[in-house]
Structure formats: C-alpha cells, structure tokens
C-alpha cells in the first residue's frame, strides 16, 4: 500500500564549515561524520532479508530516530550521552562548586539542544 508522495528527497553528505563556538558544532560534526556513508546498501540488504520495502525501512529509521530520543539515548549510547557523562565525571573529580556549576551549564546547553527535536 503506497503512501502519500511528498516529493523527492536527495540524500547527500553534509559538508560545511562552522565556527568553533557554534552552539550546534557537535551536532554538525556528527552529521558530517555519519553522512559520509551510504545507508542504502544496508537498507537494501535488510529489505531483501525481511521482505520489507526499502521505502518503509527509510521511514521507520527516520520516525524511530525522531520520535524516540530517550530510547535512542539508552539504546545507542550516542556521542552526546558520553559527553554528558564526561561533564559529570570531570565535575565530580574536581570536587568543587565551580566545576559542578560548569558541568551544570554544559548539561543545560546539551539538554536544550536535545529538546529542540521535541514537539512542545
């Protein structure tokens, strides 16, 4: 059962430059790193093995990623989670209120960025 055709989307690697103080620098670097690979061979193999059309798998991947931020954090242990853990560990190792405040500010910024994907 075909879905509604919304248009054509061209998939291409993200290649750009950004300032070191760009608040989205980590995300941009992550997008640049992950978009170098072509996901279609993996999805085509999964389609052949499962009998699920590639288009449905693409939609599944996009919706699961976009809709399951908490699940994705726990299941994939992404870079951002490791960075958050690093801020907490560094603050605890330093053992000072200043270090904890610095970690709080870093975590607040990261959580704000993660919340951008949520519908409010």
PDB file of N, CA and C in Angstrom:
ATOM      1  N   UNK A   1       0.852  -1.163   0.000  1.00  0.00           N
ATOM      2  CA  UNK A   1       0.000   0.000   0.000  1.00  0.00           C
ATOM      3  C   UNK A   1       0.903   1.232   0.000  1.00  0.00           C
ATOM      4  N   UNK A   2       1.005   1.911  -1.122  1.00  0.00           N
ATOM      5  CA  UNK A   2       1.873   3.093  -1.201  1.00  0.00           C
ATOM      6  C   UNK A   2       1.354   4.224  -0.320  1.00  0.00           C
ATOM      7  N   UNK A   3       2.292   4.993   0.186  1.00  0.00           N
ATOM      8  CA  UNK A   3       1.938   6.161   0.987  1.00  0.00           C
ATOM      9  C   UNK A   3       1.763   7.371   0.098  1.00  0.00           C
ATOM     10  N   UNK A   4       1.551   8.468   0.711  1.00  0.00           N
ATOM     11  CA  UNK A   4       1.379   9.731   0.012  1.00  0.00           C
ATOM     12  C   UNK A   4       2.739  10.220  -0.490  1.00  0.00           C
ATOM     13  N   UNK A   5       2.841  10.528  -1.770  1.00  0.00           N
ATOM     14  CA  UNK A   5       4.093  11.020  -2.332  1.00  0.00           C
ATOM     15  C   UNK A   5       4.245  12.497  -1.985  1.00  0.00           C
ATOM     16  N   UNK A   6       5.279  12.801  -1.226  1.00  0.00           N
ATOM     17  CA  UNK A   6       5.503  14.174  -0.788  1.00  0.00           C
ATOM     18  C   UNK A   6       6.581  14.872  -1.605  1.00  0.00           C
ATOM     19  N   UNK A   7       7.211  14.162  -2.465  1.00  0.00           N
ATOM     20  CA  UNK A   7       8.279  14.755  -3.260  1.00  0.00           C
ATOM     21  C   UNK A   7       9.506  13.865  -3.215  1.00  0.00           C
ATOM     22  N   UNK A   8      10.545  14.362  -3.802  1.00  0.00           N
ATOM     23  CA  UNK A   8      11.797  13.622  -3.843  1.00  0.00           C
ATOM     24  C   UNK A   8      12.780  14.269  -2.899  1.00  0.00           C
ATOM     25  N   UNK A   9      13.474  13.452  -2.158  1.00  0.00           N
ATOM     26  CA  UNK A   9      14.486  13.940  -1.237  1.00  0.00           C
ATOM     27  C   UNK A   9      15.836  13.427  -1.713  1.00  0.00           C
ATOM     28  N   UNK A  10      16.759  14.320  -1.947  1.00  0.00           N
ATOM     29  CA  UNK A  10      18.107  13.925  -2.327  1.00  0.00           C
ATOM     30  C   UNK A  10      18.935  13.769  -1.059  1.00  0.00           C
ATOM     31  N   UNK A  11      19.581  12.631  -0.934  1.00  0.00           N
ATOM     32  CA  UNK A  11      20.430  12.382   0.221  1.00  0.00           C
ATOM     33  C   UNK A  11      21.876  12.597  -0.193  1.00  0.00           C
ATOM     34  N   UNK A  12      22.578  13.443   0.533  1.00  0.00           N
ATOM     35  CA  UNK A  12      23.976  13.720   0.196  1.00  0.00           C
ATOM     36  C   UNK A  12      24.749  14.002   1.475  1.00  0.00           C
ATOM     37  N   UNK A  13      26.064  13.800   1.437  1.00  0.00           N
ATOM     38  CA  UNK A  13      26.885  14.065   2.626  1.00  0.00           C
ATOM     39  C   UNK A  13      26.855  15.550   2.999  1.00  0.00           C
ATOM     40  N   UNK A  14      26.836  15.795   4.286  1.00  0.00           N
ATOM     41  CA  UNK A  14      26.878  17.168   4.799  1.00  0.00           C
ATOM     42  C   UNK A  14      28.336  17.614   4.855  1.00  0.00           C
ATOM     43  N   UNK A  15      28.638  18.625   4.083  1.00  0.00           N
ATOM     44  CA  UNK A  15      29.998  19.178   4.067  1.00  0.00           C
ATOM     45  C   UNK A  15      29.866  20.693   4.245  1.00  0.00           C
ATOM     46  N   UNK A  16      30.325  21.162   5.361  1.00  0.00           N
ATOM     47  CA  UNK A  16      30.215  22.588   5.661  1.00  0.00           C
ATOM     48  C   UNK A  16      31.311  22.940   6.655  1.00  0.00           C
ATOM     49  N   UNK A  17      31.440  24.185   6.940  1.00  0.00           N
ATOM     50  CA  UNK A  17      32.338  24.649   7.987  1.00  0.00           C
ATOM     51  C   UNK A  17      31.509  25.467   8.973  1.00  0.00           C
ATOM     52  N   UNK A  18      32.006  25.568  10.180  1.00  0.00           N
ATOM     53  CA  UNK A  18      31.294  26.325  11.213  1.00  0.00           C
ATOM     54  C   UNK A  18      32.312  26.817  12.229  1.00  0.00           C
ATOM     55  N   UNK A  19      31.901  27.844  12.937  1.00  0.00           N
ATOM     56  CA  UNK A  19      32.767  28.440  13.957  1.00  0.00           C
ATOM     57  C   UNK A  19      32.899  27.497  15.148  1.00  0.00           C
ATOM     58  N   UNK A  20      34.030  27.557  15.802  1.00  0.00           N
ATOM     59  CA  UNK A  20      34.277  26.706  16.973  1.00  0.00           C
ATOM     60  C   UNK A  20      33.257  26.952  18.078  1.00  0.00           C
ATOM     61  N   UNK A  21      32.755  28.173  18.181  1.00  0.00           N
ATOM     62  CA  UNK A  21      31.785  28.486  19.234  1.00  0.00           C
ATOM     63  C   UNK A  21      30.334  28.333  18.772  1.00  0.00           C
ATOM     64  N   UNK A  22      30.126  27.750  17.599  1.00  0.00           N
ATOM     65  CA  UNK A  22      28.774  27.490  17.117  1.00  0.00           C
ATOM     66  C   UNK A  22      28.080  26.572  18.121  1.00  0.00           C
ATOM     67  N   UNK A  23      26.896  26.947  18.624  1.00  0.00           N
ATOM     68  CA  UNK A  23      26.234  26.112  19.629  1.00  0.00           C
ATOM     69  C   UNK A  23      25.837  24.731  19.104  1.00  0.00           C
ATOM     70  N   UNK A  24      25.853  24.553  17.790  1.00  0.00           N
ATOM     71  CA  UNK A  24      25.493  23.267  17.194  1.00  0.00           C
ATOM     72  C   UNK A  24      26.705  22.571  16.579  1.00  0.00           C
ATOM     73  N   UNK A  25      27.902  22.982  16.959  1.00  0.00           N
ATOM     74  CA  UNK A  25      29.134  22.437  16.370  1.00  0.00           C
ATOM     75  C   UNK A  25      29.232  20.921  16.542  1.00  0.00           C
ATOM     76  N   UNK A  26      28.912  20.402  17.721  1.00  0.00           N
ATOM     77  CA  UNK A  26      28.990  18.946  17.936  1.00  0.00           C
ATOM     78  C   UNK A  26      28.020  18.205  17.026  1.00  0.00           C
ATOM     79  N   UNK A  27      26.814  18.727  16.914  1.00  0.00           N
ATOM     80  CA  UNK A  27      25.816  18.089  16.059  1.00  0.00           C
ATOM     81  C   UNK A  27      26.252  18.147  14.593  1.00  0.00           C
ATOM     82  N   UNK A  28      26.742  19.287  14.158  1.00  0.00           N
ATOM     83  CA  UNK A  28      27.191  19.430  12.774  1.00  0.00           C
ATOM     84  C   UNK A  28      28.342  18.480  12.465  1.00  0.00           C
ATOM     85  N   UNK A  29      29.259  18.333  13.396  1.00  0.00           N
ATOM     86  CA  UNK A  29      30.375  17.408  13.198  1.00  0.00           C
ATOM     87  C   UNK A  29      29.863  15.964  13.118  1.00  0.00           C
ATOM     88  N   UNK A  30      28.890  15.634  13.944  1.00  0.00           N
ATOM     89  CA  UNK A  30      28.310  14.300  13.937  1.00  0.00           C
ATOM     90  C   UNK A  30      27.594  14.029  12.606  1.00  0.00           C
ATOM     91  N   UNK A  31      26.812  15.010  12.142  1.00  0.00           N
ATOM     92  CA  UNK A  31      26.115  14.870  10.860  1.00  0.00           C
ATOM     93  C   UNK A  31      27.130  14.707   9.729  1.00  0.00           C
ATOM     94  N   UNK A  32      28.176  15.508   9.748  1.00  0.00           N
ATOM     95  CA  UNK A  32      29.211  15.406   8.710  1.00  0.00           C
ATOM     96  C   UNK A  32      29.865  14.024   8.724  1.00  0.00           C
ATOM     97  N   UNK A  33      30.120  13.489   9.898  1.00  0.00           N
ATOM     98  CA  UNK A  33      30.775  12.176  10.000  1.00  0.00           C
ATOM     99  C   UNK A  33      29.853  11.047   9.527  1.00  0.00           C
ATOM    100  N   UNK A  34      28.604  11.065   9.974  1.00  0.00           N
ATOM    101  CA  UNK A  34      27.697   9.970   9.647  1.00  0.00           C
ATOM    102  C   UNK A  34      27.160  10.026   8.229  1.00  0.00           C
ATOM    103  N   UNK A  35      27.087  11.195   7.622  1.00  0.00           N
ATOM    104  CA  UNK A  35      26.517  11.264   6.273  1.00  0.00           C
ATOM    105  C   UNK A  35      27.527  10.946   5.185  1.00  0.00           C
ATOM    106  N   UNK A  36      28.751  10.623   5.574  1.00  0.00           N
ATOM    107  CA  UNK A  36      29.747  10.177   4.578  1.00  0.00           C
ATOM    108  C   UNK A  36      29.404   8.794   4.049  1.00  0.00           C
ATOM    109  N   UNK A  37      28.755   7.990   4.849  1.00  0.00           N
ATOM    110  CA  UNK A  37      28.405   6.626   4.443  1.00  0.00           C
ATOM    111  C   UNK A  37      27.084   6.625   3.680  1.00  0.00           C
ATOM    112  N   UNK A  38      26.948   5.680   2.780  1.00  0.00           N
ATOM    113  CA  UNK A  38      25.705   5.496   2.026  1.00  0.00           C
ATOM    114  C   UNK A  38      24.859   4.462   2.772  1.00  0.00           C
ATOM    115  N   UNK A  39      23.686   4.853   3.287  1.00  0.00           N
ATOM    116  CA  UNK A  39      22.878   3.914   4.059  1.00  0.00           C
ATOM    117  C   UNK A  39      22.094   2.918   3.199  1.00  0.00           C
ATOM    118  N   UNK A  40      21.973   3.188   1.911  1.00  0.00           N
ATOM    119  CA  UNK A  40      21.105   2.353   1.081  1.00  0.00           C
ATOM    120  C   UNK A  40      21.547   0.899   0.955  1.00  0.00           C
ATOM    121  N   UNK A  41      22.831   0.577   0.819  1.00  0.00           N
ATOM    122  CA  UNK A  41      23.174  -0.844   0.753  1.00  0.00           C
ATOM    123  C   UNK A  41      22.719  -1.626   1.992  1.00  0.00           C
ATOM    124  N   UNK A  42      22.854  -1.035   3.165  1.00  0.00           N
ATOM    125  CA  UNK A  42      22.402  -1.704   4.392  1.00  0.00           C
ATOM    126  C   UNK A  42      20.891  -1.882   4.377  1.00  0.00           C
ATOM    127  N   UNK A  43      20.169  -0.833   3.978  1.00  0.00           N
ATOM    128  CA  UNK A  43      18.706  -0.916   3.943  1.00  0.00           C
ATOM    129  C   UNK A  43      18.229  -1.875   2.857  1.00  0.00           C
ATOM    130  N   UNK A  44      18.931  -1.919   1.736  1.00  0.00           N
ATOM    131  CA  UNK A  44      18.567  -2.862   0.669  1.00  0.00           C
ATOM    132  C   UNK A  44      18.767  -4.298   1.134  1.00  0.00           C
ATOM    133  N   UNK A  45      19.865  -4.566   1.834  1.00  0.00           N
ATOM    134  CA  UNK A  45      20.091  -5.912   2.369  1.00  0.00           C
ATOM    135  C   UNK A  45      19.036  -6.277   3.406  1.00  0.00           C
ATOM    136  N   UNK A  46      18.701  -5.330   4.271  1.00  0.00           N
ATOM    137  CA  UNK A  46      17.667  -5.575   5.275  1.00  0.00           C
ATOM    138  C   UNK A  46      16.324  -5.825   4.597  1.00  0.00           C
ATOM    139  N   UNK A  47      16.048  -5.086   3.531  1.00  0.00           N
ATOM    140  CA  UNK A  47      14.810  -5.266   2.779  1.00  0.00           C
ATOM    141  C   UNK A  47      14.740  -6.659   2.165  1.00  0.00           C
ATOM    142  N   UNK A  48      15.838  -7.082   1.539  1.00  0.00           N
ATOM    143  CA  UNK A  48      15.878  -8.423   0.934  1.00  0.00           C
ATOM    144  C   UNK A  48      15.669  -9.501   1.987  1.00  0.00           C
ATOM    145  N   UNK A  49      16.292  -9.334   3.134  1.00  0.00           N
ATOM    146  CA  UNK A  49      16.187 -10.339   4.182  1.00  0.00           C
ATOM    147  C   UNK A  49      14.850 -10.368   4.889  1.00  0.00           C
ATOM    148  N   UNK A  50      14.219  -9.199   5.024  1.00  0.00           N
ATOM    149  CA  UNK A  50      12.978  -9.124   5.804  1.00  0.00           C
ATOM    150  C   UNK A  50      11.720  -9.088   4.946  1.00  0.00           C
ATOM    151  N   UNK A  51      11.877  -8.731   3.662  1.00  0.00           N
ATOM    152  CA  UNK A  51      10.704  -8.576   2.810  1.00  0.00           C
ATOM    153  C   UNK A  51       9.997  -7.239   2.991  1.00  0.00           C
ATOM    154  N   UNK A  52      10.592  -6.348   3.754  1.00  0.00           N
ATOM    155  CA  UNK A  52      10.010  -5.020   3.978  1.00  0.00           C
ATOM    156  C   UNK A  52      10.583  -4.077   2.918  1.00  0.00           C
ATOM    157  N   UNK A  53       9.732  -3.317   2.209  1.00  0.00           N
ATOM    158  CA  UNK A  53      10.246  -2.407   1.186  1.00  0.00           C
ATOM    159  C   UNK A  53      11.230  -1.380   1.766  1.00  0.00           C
ATOM    160  N   UNK A  54      12.234  -1.036   0.979  1.00  0.00           N
ATOM    161  CA  UNK A  54      13.252  -0.067   1.393  1.00  0.00           C
ATOM    162  C   UNK A  54      12.606   1.240   1.840  1.00  0.00           C
ATOM    163  N   UNK A  55      11.596   1.689   1.100  1.00  0.00           N
ATOM    164  CA  UNK A  55      10.935   2.961   1.447  1.00  0.00           C
ATOM    165  C   UNK A  55      10.338   2.914   2.850  1.00  0.00           C
ATOM    166  N   UNK A  56       9.783   1.775   3.224  1.00  0.00           N
ATOM    167  CA  UNK A  56       9.211   1.620   4.567  1.00  0.00           C
ATOM    168  C   UNK A  56      10.313   1.606   5.623  1.00  0.00           C
ATOM    169  N   UNK A  57      11.432   0.983   5.289  1.00  0.00           N
ATOM    170  CA  UNK A  57      12.558   0.966   6.233  1.00  0.00           C
ATOM    171  C   UNK A  57      13.125   2.368   6.433  1.00  0.00           C
ATOM    172  N   UNK A  58      13.214   3.135   5.363  1.00  0.00           N
ATOM    173  CA  UNK A  58      13.695   4.519   5.486  1.00  0.00           C
ATOM    174  C   UNK A  58      12.769   5.305   6.401  1.00  0.00           C
ATOM    175  N   UNK A  59      11.471   5.164   6.173  1.00  0.00           N
ATOM    176  CA  UNK A  59      10.505   5.870   7.026  1.00  0.00           C
ATOM    177  C   UNK A  59      10.633   5.407   8.469  1.00  0.00           C
ATOM    178  N   UNK A  60      10.783   4.106   8.686  1.00  0.00           N
ATOM    179  CA  UNK A  60      10.952   3.549  10.026  1.00  0.00           C
ATOM    180  C   UNK A  60      12.161   4.164  10.727  1.00  0.00           C
ATOM    181  N   UNK A  61      13.286   4.182  10.039  1.00  0.00           N
ATOM    182  CA  UNK A  61      14.513   4.724  10.629  1.00  0.00           C
ATOM    183  C   UNK A  61      14.322   6.186  11.010  1.00  0.00           C
ATOM    184  N   UNK A  62      13.750   6.966  10.103  1.00  0.00           N
ATOM    185  CA  UNK A  62      13.565   8.394  10.373  1.00  0.00           C
ATOM    186  C   UNK A  62      12.597   8.635  11.524  1.00  0.00           C
ATOM    187  N   UNK A  63      11.479   7.934  11.527  1.00  0.00           N
ATOM    188  CA  UNK A  63      10.488   8.136  12.583  1.00  0.00           C
ATOM    189  C   UNK A  63      11.010   7.638  13.926  1.00  0.00           C
ATOM    190  N   UNK A  64      11.663   6.479  13.929  1.00  0.00           N
ATOM    191  CA  UNK A  64      12.184   5.952  15.192  1.00  0.00           C
ATOM    192  C   UNK A  64      13.211   6.907  15.779  1.00  0.00           C
ATOM    193  N   UNK A  65      14.109   7.422  14.944  1.00  0.00           N
ATOM    194  CA  UNK A  65      15.118   8.365  15.434  1.00  0.00           C
ATOM    195  C   UNK A  65      14.457   9.631  15.954  1.00  0.00           C
ATOM    196  N   UNK A  66      13.539  10.181  15.175  1.00  0.00           N
ATOM    197  CA  UNK A  66      12.928  11.455  15.548  1.00  0.00           C
ATOM    198  C   UNK A  66      11.999  11.337  16.744  1.00  0.00           C
ATOM    199  N   UNK A  67      11.336  10.196  16.889  1.00  0.00           N
ATOM    200  CA  UNK A  67      10.311  10.067  17.923  1.00  0.00           C
ATOM    201  C   UNK A  67      10.805   9.429  19.210  1.00  0.00           C
ATOM    202  N   UNK A  68      11.990   8.867  19.204  1.00  0.00           N
ATOM    203  CA  UNK A  68      12.402   8.116  20.388  1.00  0.00           C
ATOM    204  C   UNK A  68      13.723   8.608  20.949  1.00  0.00           C
ATOM    205  N   UNK A  69      13.793   9.877  21.227  1.00  0.00           N
ATOM    206  CA  UNK A  69      15.023  10.437  21.763  1.00  0.00           C
ATOM    207  C   UNK A  69      15.525   9.705  22.993  1.00  0.00           C
ATOM    208  N   UNK A  70      14.662   9.479  23.964  1.00  0.00           N
ATOM    209  CA  UNK A  70      15.081   8.789  25.182  1.00  0.00           C
ATOM    210  C   UNK A  70      15.504   7.363  24.905  1.00  0.00           C
ATOM    211  N   UNK A  71      14.711   6.653  24.101  1.00  0.00           N
ATOM    212  CA  UNK A  71      15.060   5.280  23.739  1.00  0.00           C
ATOM    213  C   UNK A  71      16.381   5.247  22.986  1.00  0.00           C
ATOM    214  N   UNK A  72      16.556   6.200  22.080  1.00  0.00           N
ATOM    215  CA  UNK A  72      17.787   6.233  21.286  1.00  0.00           C
ATOM    216  C   UNK A  72      18.992   6.490  22.189  1.00  0.00           C
ATOM    217  N   UNK A  73      18.850   7.378  23.151  1.00  0.00           N
ATOM    218  CA  UNK A  73      19.960   7.647  24.065  1.00  0.00           C
ATOM    219  C   UNK A  73      20.377   6.397  24.819  1.00  0.00           C
ATOM    220  N   UNK A  74      19.384   5.635  25.291  1.00  0.00           N
ATOM    221  CA  UNK A  74      19.698   4.444  26.063  1.00  0.00           C
ATOM    222  C   UNK A  74      20.193   3.297  25.181  1.00  0.00           C
ATOM    223  N   UNK A  75      19.624   3.167  23.994  1.00  0.00           N
ATOM    224  CA  UNK A  75      19.963   2.032  23.132  1.00  0.00           C
ATOM    225  C   UNK A  75      21.286   2.218  22.405  1.00  0.00           C
ATOM    226  N   UNK A  76      21.574   3.431  21.955  1.00  0.00           N
ATOM    227  CA  UNK A  76      22.736   3.629  21.094  1.00  0.00           C
ATOM    228  C   UNK A  76      23.935   4.249  21.785  1.00  0.00           C
ATOM    229  N   UNK A  77      23.745   4.767  22.976  1.00  0.00           N
ATOM    230  CA  UNK A  77      24.847   5.407  23.704  1.00  0.00           C
ATOM    231  C   UNK A  77      25.588   6.379  22.792  1.00  0.00           C
ATOM    232  N   UNK A  78      24.875   7.381  22.273  1.00  0.00           N
ATOM    233  CA  UNK A  78      25.491   8.284  21.311  1.00  0.00           C
ATOM    234  C   UNK A  78      26.551   9.179  21.943  1.00  0.00           C
ATOM    235  N   UNK A  79      27.224   9.875  21.086  1.00  0.00           N
ATOM    236  CA  UNK A  79      28.293  10.778  21.493  1.00  0.00           C
ATOM    237  C   UNK A  79      27.806  11.757  22.553  1.00  0.00           C
ATOM    238  N   UNK A  80      26.620  12.302  22.378  1.00  0.00           N
ATOM    239  CA  UNK A  80      26.134  13.314  23.317  1.00  0.00           C
ATOM    240  C   UNK A  80      25.981  12.743  24.723  1.00  0.00           C
ATOM    241  N   UNK A  81      25.544  11.501  24.848  1.00  0.00           N
ATOM    242  CA  UNK A  81      25.411  10.898  26.177  1.00  0.00           C
ATOM    243  C   UNK A  81      26.786  10.724  26.819  1.00  0.00           C
ATOM    244  N   UNK A  82      27.755  10.265  26.040  1.00  0.00           N
ATOM    245  CA  UNK A  82      29.122  10.124  26.567  1.00  0.00           C
ATOM    246  C   UNK A  82      29.679  11.492  26.975  1.00  0.00           C
ATOM    247  N   UNK A  83      29.361  12.528  26.206  1.00  0.00           N
ATOM    248  CA  UNK A  83      29.816  13.870  26.558  1.00  0.00           C
ATOM    249  C   UNK A  83      29.172  14.327  27.866  1.00  0.00           C
ATOM    250  N   UNK A  84      27.895  14.040  28.039  1.00  0.00           N
ATOM    251  CA  UNK A  84      27.206  14.416  29.270  1.00  0.00           C
ATOM    252  C   UNK A  84      27.829  13.700  30.464  1.00  0.00           C
ATOM    253  N   UNK A  85      28.085  12.415  30.306  1.00  0.00           N
ATOM    254  CA  UNK A  85      28.728  11.652  31.379  1.00  0.00           C
ATOM    255  C   UNK A  85      30.113  12.227  31.691  1.00  0.00           C
ATOM    256  N   UNK A  86      30.820  12.659  30.662  1.00  0.00           N
ATOM    257  CA  UNK A  86      32.149  13.236  30.852  1.00  0.00           C
ATOM    258  C   UNK A  86      32.108  14.527  31.664  1.00  0.00           C
ATOM    259  N   UNK A  87      31.108  15.368  31.409  1.00  0.00           N
ATOM    260  CA  UNK A  87      30.976  16.614  32.178  1.00  0.00           C
ATOM    261  C   UNK A  87      30.743  16.316  33.655  1.00  0.00           C
ATOM    262  N   UNK A  88      29.879  15.343  33.926  1.00  0.00           N
ATOM    263  CA  UNK A  88      29.587  14.985  35.316  1.00  0.00           C
ATOM    264  C   UNK A  88      30.825  14.388  35.977  1.00  0.00           C
ATOM    265  N   UNK A  89      31.500  13.481  35.289  1.00  0.00           N
ATOM    266  CA  UNK A  89      32.699  12.840  35.847  1.00  0.00           C
ATOM    267  C   UNK A  89      33.787  13.866  36.139  1.00  0.00           C
ATOM    268  N   UNK A  90      33.986  14.807  35.224  1.00  0.00           N
ATOM    269  CA  UNK A  90      35.017  15.834  35.424  1.00  0.00           C
ATOM    270  C   UNK A  90      34.673  16.716  36.620  1.00  0.00           C
ATOM    271  N   UNK A  91      33.402  17.063  36.770  1.00  0.00           N
ATOM    272  CA  UNK A  91      32.986  17.897  37.896  1.00  0.00           C
ATOM    273  C   UNK A  91      33.170  17.161  39.212  1.00  0.00           C
ATOM    274  N   UNK A  92      32.814  15.889  39.238  1.00  0.00           N
ATOM    275  CA  UNK A  92      32.966  15.101  40.461  1.00  0.00           C
ATOM    276  C   UNK A  92      34.445  14.910  40.807  1.00  0.00           C
ATOM    277  N   UNK A  93      35.269  14.703  39.787  1.00  0.00           N
ATOM    278  CA  UNK A  93      36.709  14.535  40.030  1.00  0.00           C
ATOM    279  C   UNK A  93      37.315  15.817  40.577  1.00  0.00           C
ATOM    280  N   UNK A  94      36.873  16.956  40.059  1.00  0.00           N
ATOM    281  CA  UNK A  94      37.392  18.238  40.541  1.00  0.00           C
ATOM    282  C   UNK A  94      36.900  18.522  41.954  1.00  0.00           C
ATOM    283  N   UNK A  95      35.655  18.117  42.224  1.00  0.00           N
ATOM    284  CA  UNK A  95      35.107  18.245  43.568  1.00  0.00           C
ATOM    285  C   UNK A  95      34.832  19.658  44.037  1.00  0.00           C
ATOM    286  N   UNK A  96      34.723  20.593  43.115  1.00  0.00           N
ATOM    287  CA  UNK A  96      34.474  21.977  43.535  1.00  0.00           C
ATOM    288  C   UNK A  96      33.106  22.444  43.036  1.00  0.00           C
ATOM    289  N   UNK A  97      32.566  23.441  43.736  1.00  0.00           N
ATOM    290  CA  UNK A  97      31.303  24.024  43.303  1.00  0.00           C
ATOM    291  C   UNK A  97      31.446  24.668  41.928  1.00  0.00           C
ATOM    292  N   UNK A  98      32.592  25.271  41.654  1.00  0.00           N
ATOM    293  CA  UNK A  98      32.815  25.902  40.348  1.00  0.00           C
ATOM    294  C   UNK A  98      32.781  24.865  39.229  1.00  0.00           C
ATOM    295  N   UNK A  99      33.387  23.710  39.466  1.00  0.00           N
ATOM    296  CA  UNK A  99      33.390  22.647  38.453  1.00  0.00           C
ATOM    297  C   UNK A  99      31.982  22.092  38.259  1.00  0.00           C
ATOM    298  N   UNK A 100      31.240  21.945  39.345  1.00  0.00           N
ATOM    299  CA  UNK A 100      29.865  21.455  39.231  1.00  0.00           C
ATOM    300  C   UNK A 100      28.988  22.464  38.500  1.00  0.00           C
ATOM    301  N   UNK A 101      29.190  23.741  38.743  1.00  0.00           N
ATOM    302  CA  UNK A 101      28.433  24.768  38.035  1.00  0.00           C
ATOM    303  C   UNK A 101      28.775  24.763  36.545  1.00  0.00           C
ATOM    304  N   UNK A 102      30.040  24.565  36.234  1.00  0.00           N
ATOM    305  CA  UNK A 102      30.459  24.485  34.832  1.00  0.00           C
ATOM    306  C   UNK A 102      29.800  23.268  34.162  1.00  0.00           C
ATOM    307  N   UNK A 103      29.750  22.133  34.856  1.00  0.00           N
ATOM    308  CA  UNK A 103      29.099  20.940  34.314  1.00  0.00           C
ATOM    309  C   UNK A 103      27.606  21.180  34.140  1.00  0.00           C
ATOM    310  N   UNK A 104      26.996  21.852  35.119  1.00  0.00           N
ATOM    311  CA  UNK A 104      25.575  22.179  35.020  1.00  0.00           C
ATOM    312  C   UNK A 104      25.304  23.014  33.778  1.00  0.00           C
ATOM    313  N   UNK A 105      26.110  24.033  33.545  1.00  0.00           N
ATOM    314  CA  UNK A 105      25.927  24.885  32.370  1.00  0.00           C
ATOM    315  C   UNK A 105      26.068  24.082  31.078  1.00  0.00           C
ATOM    316  N   UNK A 106      27.058  23.184  31.034  1.00  0.00           N
ATOM    317  CA  UNK A 106      27.254  22.358  29.843  1.00  0.00           C
ATOM    318  C   UNK A 106      26.061  21.423  29.632  1.00  0.00           C
ATOM    319  N   UNK A 107      25.591  20.785  30.710  1.00  0.00           N
ATOM    320  CA  UNK A 107      24.446  19.882  30.603  1.00  0.00           C
ATOM    321  C   UNK A 107      23.181  20.628  30.217  1.00  0.00           C
ATOM    322  N   UNK A 108      22.993  21.811  30.774  1.00  0.00           N
ATOM    323  CA  UNK A 108      21.825  22.630  30.443  1.00  0.00           C
ATOM    324  C   UNK A 108      21.808  22.936  28.955  1.00  0.00           C
ATOM    325  N   UNK A 109      22.951  23.279  28.394  1.00  0.00           N
ATOM    326  CA  UNK A 109      23.058  23.569  26.972  1.00  0.00           C
ATOM    327  C   UNK A 109      22.750  22.334  26.135  1.00  0.00           C
ATOM    328  N   UNK A 110      23.291  21.198  26.535  1.00  0.00           N
ATOM    329  CA  UNK A 110      23.074  19.962  25.788  1.00  0.00           C
ATOM    330  C   UNK A 110      21.613  19.513  25.848  1.00  0.00           C
ATOM    331  N   UNK A 111      21.001  19.618  27.012  1.00  0.00           N
ATOM    332  CA  UNK A 111      19.594  19.235  27.160  1.00  0.00           C
ATOM    333  C   UNK A 111      18.714  20.176  26.340  1.00  0.00           C
ATOM    334  N   UNK A 112      19.054  21.445  26.323  1.00  0.00           N
ATOM    335  CA  UNK A 112      18.308  22.397  25.496  1.00  0.00           C
ATOM    336  C   UNK A 112      18.384  22.021  24.028  1.00  0.00           C
ATOM    337  N   UNK A 113      19.556  21.579  23.594  1.00  0.00           N
ATOM    338  CA  UNK A 113      19.712  21.166  22.205  1.00  0.00           C
ATOM    339  C   UNK A 113      18.887  19.919  21.934  1.00  0.00           C
ATOM    340  N   UNK A 114      18.918  18.935  22.838  1.00  0.00           N
ATOM    341  CA  UNK A 114      18.130  17.711  22.649  1.00  0.00           C
ATOM    342  C   UNK A 114      16.641  18.020  22.597  1.00  0.00           C
ATOM    343  N   UNK A 115      16.208  19.010  23.366  1.00  0.00           N
ATOM    344  CA  UNK A 115      14.790  19.377  23.408  1.00  0.00           C
ATOM    345  C   UNK A 115      14.334  20.032  22.113  1.00  0.00           C
ATOM    346  N   UNK A 116      15.249  20.494  21.280  1.00  0.00           N
ATOM    347  CA  UNK A 116      14.846  21.099  20.009  1.00  0.00           C
ATOM    348  C   UNK A 116      14.056  20.129  19.152  1.00  0.00           C
ATOM    349  N   UNK A 117      14.341  18.845  19.286  1.00  0.00           N
ATOM    350  CA  UNK A 117      13.645  17.841  18.496  1.00  0.00           C
ATOM    351  C   UNK A 117      12.277  17.464  19.032  1.00  0.00           C
ATOM    352  N   UNK A 118      11.965  17.897  20.236  1.00  0.00           N
ATOM    353  CA  UNK A 118      10.673  17.578  20.830  1.00  0.00           C
ATOM    354  C   UNK A 118       9.623  18.577  20.390  1.00  0.00           C
ATOM    355  N   UNK A 119       8.410  18.086  20.273  1.00  0.00           N
ATOM    356  CA  UNK A 119       7.307  18.983  19.998  1.00  0.00           C
ATOM    357  C   UNK A 119       6.835  19.538  21.334  1.00  0.00           C
ATOM    358  N   UNK A 120       6.697  20.828  21.432  1.00  0.00           N
ATOM    359  CA  UNK A 120       6.296  21.443  22.704  1.00  0.00           C
ATOM    360  C   UNK A 120       4.925  22.057  22.582  1.00  0.00           C
TER     361      UNK A 120
END
